[in-house]
Amino acid sequence: MENLNSAMNSFSEQSKKINIAMHYLNNDMEKAKMMVAGKLKDIVIVKGTFSSSSLYGAFILFFNYLNLILADSSFLVSPDYSISGIKNSADWKVFEKEIVEIRNRENSRVSGDFKEKFDAGFTLTFSREFAKMIKAKDTTQLTYILQKYLTENSGLKRLALNLEYQTASSLEMELDSVTSKKLDKKIIEKKKEDEKKAEADAETDSSKDENSEPVVGQNGIKLIIKSTLVLSPIKGKYISKVEPGDRVMVTMVEKNPQTVQIAQAFKAYNQETGVISSIPGRVLKVDYIDNLGYKLYVVIAKGIIAQVIEEETNIKVALDPAQTVNQQSDDEKTSRFGLPIIISLVAAIIVSLMIIVLTIF
């Protein structure tokens, strides 16, 4: 199912983003989710242009004001006057790209030397002062302390500096910046391997420990959705008889972009009314709990689980129509094969009786 594959790829991408965010947030899952949702910013991106009597320059700084560290920086420094035309009022991605393009044409060691000296002198004491100015949104003082810092570290005279800054997140820096240091490939590959292994072991682990509850982030589970069972009073299966492996029909009761995306993949979402229809799933785990009722976990798709709590204990659950059709087909085949055999047996009995009668008389 192409739509379902698209939805699953979307969840995989979401999982990748959460892993990156957790790396920068010391494995804090809640903060990582906030960062992925765009609700947590930890980076100030400073866009600067400067000029002196002999050199012109532009730079971009990625300053993590929560951890008080300079995450990275990129410089363009040249005697070419045309550099003064770079506009730091542009979005940081555009500004950064322009720096890189001009620097690649220039191919000058001066830019690299500037970066090395700048990064080396960015001490914790200076970081605190830097963060203080940012928190106060005092661009004038921020420009002053950076101007002084650049002058002392470069030896340039009569240095004029212009600053602009934007807030962003470490996740945005990791995914969108073309100059900042990236996570070690080994770390990324290890996360991918761990995720694949968790997904591969999901079924095995759940069968080994029947008492374990599915948990997001473990055994390859990406999402657990509150759902209800679809009932079928005539053709359904009594809930007390439902067991792991049965395919049942469920309806997701949570309505959010993720559940809508899943419903659309199953063609179970009405765009006009906004109603989510039932979808099939395979029962992973079912328990009866006193004073609560039946608690079921149903696999909708790889890594996506529906959680159902049903208080009624004497109801019939609707089975997946595809499974019902297969069962009916099997019954019909049995019936078709069984009828000739029955006819043959009856005929054989009649013939035997006729032979016996003729023998007697």
Protein backbone atom coordinates (compact mmCIF):
# COMPACT_ATOMS: atom_id res chain seq x y z
CA MET A 1 0.00 0.00 0.00
CA GLU A 2 1.73 3.10 -1.30
CA ASN A 3 -0.09 5.51 1.03
CA LEU A 4 0.72 3.39 4.07
CA ASN A 5 4.39 3.19 3.05
CA SER A 6 4.38 6.97 2.74
CA ALA A 7 2.88 7.31 6.21
CA MET A 8 5.44 4.89 7.66
CA ASN A 9 8.30 6.79 5.98
CA SER A 10 6.95 9.93 7.59
CA PHE A 11 7.07 8.27 11.03
CA SER A 12 10.62 7.03 10.34
CA GLU A 13 11.67 10.57 9.50
CA GLN A 14 9.98 11.77 12.70
CA SER A 15 11.85 9.13 14.67
CA LYS A 16 15.15 10.23 13.11
CA LYS A 17 14.48 13.85 14.12
CA ILE A 18 13.67 12.82 17.69
CA ASN A 19 16.94 10.85 17.89
CA ILE A 20 18.92 13.88 16.72
CA ALA A 21 17.11 16.20 19.13
CA MET A 22 17.69 13.78 22.03
CA HIS A 23 21.42 13.79 21.26
CA TYR A 24 21.55 17.56 21.69
CA LEU A 25 19.23 17.54 24.72
CA ASN A 26 21.00 14.90 26.80
CA ASN A 27 18.44 12.18 25.95
CA ASP A 28 15.48 14.17 27.32
CA MET A 29 12.57 12.69 25.34
CA GLU A 30 10.00 15.33 26.35
CA LYS A 31 12.24 18.21 25.32
CA ALA A 32 13.16 16.35 22.13
CA LYS A 33 9.48 16.10 21.16
CA MET A 34 9.08 19.82 21.83
CA MET A 35 12.10 20.59 19.65
CA VAL A 36 10.78 18.45 16.78
CA ALA A 37 7.42 20.24 17.09
CA GLY A 38 9.24 23.58 16.83
CA LYS A 39 8.37 24.60 20.39
CA LEU A 40 11.92 24.52 21.79
CA LYS A 41 14.72 26.72 20.45
CA ASP A 42 18.21 26.46 21.91
CA ILE A 43 20.33 28.15 19.25
CA VAL A 44 20.86 31.81 18.40
CA ILE A 45 22.18 32.25 14.88
CA VAL A 46 24.18 35.48 14.64
CA LYS A 47 24.66 36.92 11.13
CA GLY A 48 27.43 39.47 10.95
CA THR A 49 29.15 41.63 8.33
CA PHE A 50 32.18 43.83 9.00
CA SER A 51 34.71 46.05 7.30
CA SER A 52 38.08 47.53 8.23
CA SER A 53 40.74 49.54 6.51
CA SER A 54 42.08 46.46 4.70
CA LEU A 55 39.57 43.60 4.90
CA TYR A 56 35.88 42.88 4.51
CA GLY A 57 34.07 39.99 6.05
CA ALA A 58 30.87 38.09 6.82
CA PHE A 59 30.26 35.38 9.38
CA ILE A 60 27.57 33.19 10.90
CA LEU A 61 27.64 31.93 14.49
CA PHE A 62 25.62 29.06 15.98
CA PHE A 63 25.48 29.83 19.69
CA ASN A 64 23.75 27.40 22.05
CA TYR A 65 22.51 29.76 24.76
CA LEU A 66 21.12 26.93 26.91
CA ASN A 67 24.50 25.20 27.21
CA LEU A 68 26.56 28.40 26.83
CA ILE A 69 28.70 27.05 24.00
CA LEU A 70 29.59 28.14 20.50
CA ALA A 71 28.31 25.16 18.51
CA ASP A 72 30.08 26.31 15.35
CA SER A 73 30.99 29.30 13.20
CA SER A 74 31.75 30.08 9.57
CA PHE A 75 33.74 33.05 8.22
CA LEU A 76 34.31 34.76 4.91
CA VAL A 77 37.17 37.30 4.97
CA SER A 78 38.73 38.99 1.93
CA PRO A 79 40.15 42.31 0.70
CA ASP A 80 37.45 42.21 -2.02
CA TYR A 81 35.11 45.17 -1.51
CA SER A 82 32.18 43.30 -3.14
CA ILE A 83 31.79 41.27 0.06
CA SER A 84 30.35 44.36 1.71
CA GLY A 85 27.29 43.84 -0.48
CA ILE A 86 26.22 40.71 1.40
CA LYS A 87 22.97 41.39 3.25
CA ASN A 88 22.69 39.86 6.71
CA SER A 89 19.02 40.82 6.86
CA ALA A 90 18.27 37.71 4.75
CA ASP A 91 17.20 34.43 6.36
CA TRP A 92 20.16 32.61 7.91
CA LYS A 93 20.05 29.76 5.36
CA VAL A 94 20.27 32.21 2.46
CA PHE A 95 22.99 34.23 4.21
CA GLU A 96 25.01 31.10 5.00
CA LYS A 97 24.73 29.81 1.43
CA GLU A 98 26.01 33.12 0.06
CA ILE A 99 29.00 33.00 2.39
CA VAL A 100 29.85 29.48 1.22
CA GLU A 101 29.49 30.29 -2.49
CA ILE A 102 31.77 33.34 -2.33
CA ARG A 103 34.28 31.59 -0.07
CA ASN A 104 34.54 28.68 -2.52
CA ARG A 105 35.42 31.17 -5.27
CA GLU A 106 37.88 33.04 -3.07
CA ASN A 107 39.67 29.90 -1.78
CA SER A 108 41.50 32.00 0.83
CA ARG A 109 43.26 30.81 3.98
CA VAL A 110 42.37 34.08 5.73
CA SER A 111 38.80 32.91 6.38
CA GLY A 112 40.04 29.70 8.03
CA ASP A 113 42.51 31.61 10.22
CA PHE A 114 39.77 33.96 11.37
CA LYS A 115 37.56 31.04 12.37
CA GLU A 116 40.32 29.29 14.32
CA LYS A 117 41.19 32.41 16.33
CA PHE A 118 37.55 33.30 16.92
CA ASP A 119 36.55 29.81 18.14
CA ALA A 120 39.64 29.46 20.34
CA GLY A 121 38.93 32.68 22.22
CA PHE A 122 35.24 32.00 22.82
CA THR A 123 35.60 31.18 26.52
CA LEU A 124 32.90 30.32 29.06
CA THR A 125 33.20 33.80 30.56
CA PHE A 126 32.62 35.38 27.16
CA SER A 127 29.74 32.93 26.50
CA ARG A 128 27.99 34.07 29.67
CA GLU A 129 28.31 37.70 28.67
CA PHE A 130 27.14 36.83 25.17
CA ALA A 131 24.08 34.96 26.49
CA LYS A 132 23.27 37.82 28.85
CA MET A 133 23.06 40.30 25.96
CA ILE A 134 20.92 37.90 23.93
CA LYS A 135 18.51 37.32 26.81
CA ALA A 136 18.17 41.09 27.22
CA LYS A 137 17.68 41.43 23.43
CA ASP A 138 20.29 44.18 23.56
CA THR A 139 21.62 44.23 20.00
CA THR A 140 23.66 47.38 20.65
CA GLN A 141 25.65 45.82 23.50
CA LEU A 142 25.92 42.53 21.64
CA THR A 143 27.42 44.37 18.67
CA TYR A 144 29.81 46.22 20.95
CA ILE A 145 31.19 43.14 22.73
CA LEU A 146 31.57 41.24 19.44
CA GLN A 147 33.26 44.21 17.79
CA LYS A 148 35.71 44.43 20.67
CA TYR A 149 36.25 40.65 20.59
CA LEU A 150 36.93 40.61 16.82
CA THR A 151 39.31 43.56 17.06
CA GLU A 152 41.34 41.92 19.84
CA ASN A 153 41.50 38.54 18.07
CA SER A 154 42.21 39.79 14.55
CA GLY A 155 44.29 42.90 15.10
CA LEU A 156 42.13 44.81 12.61
CA LYS A 157 41.83 48.57 13.09
CA ARG A 158 38.71 50.73 12.76
CA LEU A 159 36.49 47.68 12.47
CA ALA A 160 32.81 48.46 11.71
CA LEU A 161 30.34 45.68 12.52
CA ASN A 162 26.70 45.06 11.65
CA LEU A 163 24.70 42.28 13.39
CA GLU A 164 21.40 40.49 12.94
CA TYR A 165 20.30 37.33 14.72
CA GLN A 166 17.60 34.64 14.63
CA THR A 167 16.59 31.87 17.00
CA ALA A 168 16.61 28.24 15.84
CA SER A 169 17.16 24.76 17.24
CA SER A 170 20.04 22.31 17.22
CA LEU A 171 17.83 20.09 15.07
CA GLU A 172 17.48 22.82 12.43
CA MET A 173 21.22 23.43 12.57
CA GLU A 174 21.90 19.71 12.08
CA LEU A 175 19.46 19.29 9.18
CA ASP A 176 19.64 22.64 7.37
CA SER A 177 23.06 24.20 7.92
CA VAL A 178 25.66 23.63 5.20
CA THR A 179 28.64 24.67 7.33
CA SER A 180 28.09 23.47 10.90
CA LYS A 181 29.63 20.30 12.27
CA LYS A 182 27.34 17.29 11.98
CA LEU A 183 26.83 14.35 14.31
CA ASP A 184 29.43 11.65 13.97
CA LYS A 185 28.33 9.18 11.29
CA LYS A 186 29.00 6.34 13.71
CA ILE A 187 26.46 7.79 16.14
CA ILE A 188 23.85 8.13 13.40
CA GLU A 189 24.52 4.64 12.03
CA LYS A 190 24.37 3.15 15.52
CA LYS A 191 20.98 4.79 16.11
CA LYS A 192 19.73 3.35 12.81
CA GLU A 193 21.05 -0.11 13.66
CA ASP A 194 19.48 0.03 17.13
CA GLU A 195 16.14 1.05 15.64
CA LYS A 196 16.22 -1.71 13.02
CA LYS A 197 17.18 -4.29 15.64
CA ALA A 198 14.39 -3.09 17.93
CA GLU A 199 11.86 -3.42 15.11
CA ALA A 200 13.13 -6.89 14.19
CA ASP A 201 12.93 -8.03 17.82
CA ALA A 202 9.50 -6.49 18.50
CA GLU A 203 7.49 -9.61 17.80
CA THR A 204 10.00 -11.90 19.53
CA ASP A 205 10.18 -9.78 22.67
CA SER A 206 6.42 -9.47 22.94
CA SER A 207 6.00 -13.24 22.67
CA LYS A 208 8.70 -13.90 25.24
CA ASP A 209 7.07 -11.73 27.87
CA GLU A 210 3.30 -11.96 27.64
CA ASN A 211 2.88 -9.68 30.64
CA SER A 212 4.85 -6.79 29.14
CA GLU A 213 2.98 -3.69 28.01
CA PRO A 214 3.89 -2.17 24.62
CA VAL A 215 5.76 1.10 25.11
CA VAL A 216 6.59 3.80 22.55
CA GLY A 217 10.30 3.82 21.82
CA GLN A 218 10.76 0.15 22.73
CA ASN A 219 10.73 -2.90 20.47
CA GLY A 220 10.29 -0.76 17.38
CA ILE A 221 7.00 0.79 18.54
CA LYS A 222 6.63 4.34 17.19
CA LEU A 223 3.04 5.13 18.12
CA ILE A 224 0.23 3.82 20.37
CA ILE A 225 -3.25 5.11 19.53
CA LYS A 226 -6.36 4.92 21.73
CA SER A 227 -9.01 3.05 19.76
CA THR A 228 -12.29 1.14 20.04
CA LEU A 229 -13.42 -2.21 18.69
CA VAL A 230 -16.03 -2.45 15.97
CA LEU A 231 -18.93 -4.68 17.09
CA SER A 232 -20.78 -7.28 15.03
CA PRO A 233 -23.66 -8.86 17.06
CA ILE A 234 -24.46 -11.52 14.43
CA LYS A 235 -21.28 -12.53 12.60
CA GLY A 236 -18.73 -11.36 15.16
CA LYS A 237 -16.56 -13.29 17.60
CA TYR A 238 -17.20 -13.14 21.35
CA ILE A 239 -14.57 -10.92 22.94
CA SER A 240 -13.81 -13.64 25.47
CA LYS A 241 -12.75 -15.86 22.55
CA VAL A 242 -10.51 -13.27 20.85
CA GLU A 243 -6.84 -14.25 20.95
CA PRO A 244 -3.48 -13.04 19.62
CA GLY A 245 -3.30 -13.44 15.86
CA ASP A 246 -6.98 -12.69 15.23
CA ARG A 247 -7.62 -9.91 12.75
CA VAL A 248 -10.23 -7.48 14.05
CA MET A 249 -11.67 -4.12 13.05
CA VAL A 250 -10.79 -1.06 15.15
CA THR A 251 -11.57 2.66 15.03
CA MET A 252 -9.02 5.25 16.16
CA VAL A 253 -10.64 7.66 18.62
CA GLU A 254 -7.77 10.15 18.78
CA LYS A 255 -7.92 12.71 15.99
CA ASN A 256 -4.61 14.38 15.15
CA PRO A 257 -2.41 14.76 12.05
CA GLN A 258 -0.81 11.36 12.67
CA THR A 259 -4.07 9.38 12.97
CA VAL A 260 -5.56 11.22 9.99
CA GLN A 261 -2.48 10.30 7.96
CA ILE A 262 -2.85 6.63 8.93
CA ALA A 263 -6.58 6.67 8.14
CA GLN A 264 -5.88 8.24 4.76
CA ALA A 265 -3.37 5.48 4.02
CA PHE A 266 -6.13 2.93 4.65
CA LYS A 267 -8.62 5.06 2.68
CA ALA A 268 -10.61 5.34 5.91
CA TYR A 269 -10.85 9.13 6.20
CA ASN A 270 -13.69 11.28 4.85
CA GLN A 271 -12.17 14.62 3.88
CA GLU A 272 -15.54 16.40 3.85
CA THR A 273 -16.90 15.22 7.20
CA GLY A 274 -13.58 14.59 8.95
CA VAL A 275 -14.82 11.16 10.09
CA ILE A 276 -12.32 8.32 10.60
CA SER A 277 -13.66 4.90 9.62
CA SER A 278 -12.66 1.50 10.97
CA ILE A 279 -9.48 -0.24 9.81
CA PRO A 280 -8.20 -3.82 10.21
CA GLY A 281 -5.50 -4.91 12.61
CA ARG A 282 -3.91 -8.01 14.12
CA VAL A 283 -4.38 -8.68 17.83
CA LEU A 284 -0.98 -8.62 19.52
CA LYS A 285 -2.07 -8.97 23.14
CA VAL A 286 -5.37 -9.37 24.98
CA ASP A 287 -5.94 -9.45 28.76
CA TYR A 288 -8.94 -9.48 31.06
CA ILE A 289 -8.50 -7.13 34.02
CA ASP A 290 -10.86 -7.18 37.00
CA ASN A 291 -12.98 -4.03 37.41
CA LEU A 292 -11.75 -2.80 34.02
CA GLY A 293 -12.66 -5.30 31.33
CA TYR A 294 -10.66 -6.42 28.31
CA LYS A 295 -7.48 -4.64 27.31
CA LEU A 296 -6.24 -5.29 23.80
CA TYR A 297 -3.25 -4.18 21.76
CA VAL A 298 -3.79 -4.42 18.02
CA VAL A 299 -1.07 -3.98 15.37
CA ILE A 300 -2.33 -1.58 12.69
CA ALA A 301 0.96 -1.30 10.82
CA LYS A 302 4.63 -1.88 11.56
CA GLY A 303 5.44 0.10 14.70
CA ILE A 304 1.87 1.42 15.11
CA ILE A 305 -0.35 -0.10 17.82
CA ALA A 306 -4.01 0.48 18.66
CA GLN A 307 -4.84 0.28 22.39
CA VAL A 308 -8.40 -0.77 23.23
CA ILE A 309 -10.09 -0.95 26.63
CA GLU A 310 -13.53 -2.63 26.44
CA GLU A 311 -15.62 -2.75 29.61
CA GLU A 312 -18.40 -4.91 28.14
CA THR A 313 -17.58 -8.61 28.47
CA ASN A 314 -20.42 -10.19 26.49
CA ILE A 315 -20.05 -8.53 23.09
CA LYS A 316 -19.15 -9.82 19.65
CA VAL A 317 -16.18 -8.24 17.88
CA ALA A 318 -16.15 -7.59 14.13
CA LEU A 319 -13.43 -9.54 12.33
CA ASP A 320 -11.46 -8.28 9.36
CA PRO A 321 -13.73 -8.89 6.31
CA ALA A 322 -10.74 -10.24 4.39
CA GLN A 323 -10.22 -12.91 7.05
CA THR A 324 -13.95 -13.72 7.09
CA VAL A 325 -14.01 -14.08 3.30
CA ASN A 326 -11.03 -16.44 3.42
CA GLN A 327 -12.71 -18.55 6.08
CA GLN A 328 -15.94 -18.68 4.06
CA SER A 329 -13.94 -19.62 0.98
CA ASP A 330 -12.29 -22.46 2.89
CA ASP A 331 -15.71 -23.63 4.13
CA GLU A 332 -17.07 -23.55 0.60
CA LYS A 333 -14.11 -25.55 -0.68
CA THR A 334 -14.65 -28.09 2.10
CA SER A 335 -18.31 -28.20 1.24
CA ARG A 336 -17.64 -28.66 -2.49
CA PHE A 337 -15.17 -31.44 -1.86
CA GLY A 338 -17.36 -33.08 0.80
CA LEU A 339 -20.59 -33.32 -1.23
CA PRO A 340 -19.27 -35.69 -3.94
CA ILE A 341 -17.82 -37.93 -1.27
CA ILE A 342 -21.16 -38.08 0.55
CA ILE A 343 -23.01 -38.84 -2.71
CA SER A 344 -20.49 -41.56 -3.52
CA LEU A 345 -20.92 -43.15 -0.10
CA VAL A 346 -24.72 -43.10 -0.37
CA ALA A 347 -24.55 -44.64 -3.83
CA ALA A 348 -22.18 -47.33 -2.57
CA ILE A 349 -24.55 -48.17 0.29
CA ILE A 350 -27.54 -48.42 -2.07
CA VAL A 351 -25.62 -50.69 -4.45
CA SER A 352 -24.54 -52.89 -1.52
CA LEU A 353 -28.13 -53.18 -0.29
CA MET A 354 -29.36 -54.13 -3.78
CA ILE A 355 -26.72 -56.86 -4.03
CA ILE A 356 -27.75 -58.23 -0.63
CA VAL A 357 -31.44 -58.25 -1.60
CA LEU A 358 -30.78 -60.02 -4.92
CA THR A 359 -28.61 -62.58 -3.18
CA ILE A 360 -31.35 -63.41 -0.67
CA PHE A 361 -34.11 -63.75 -3.24
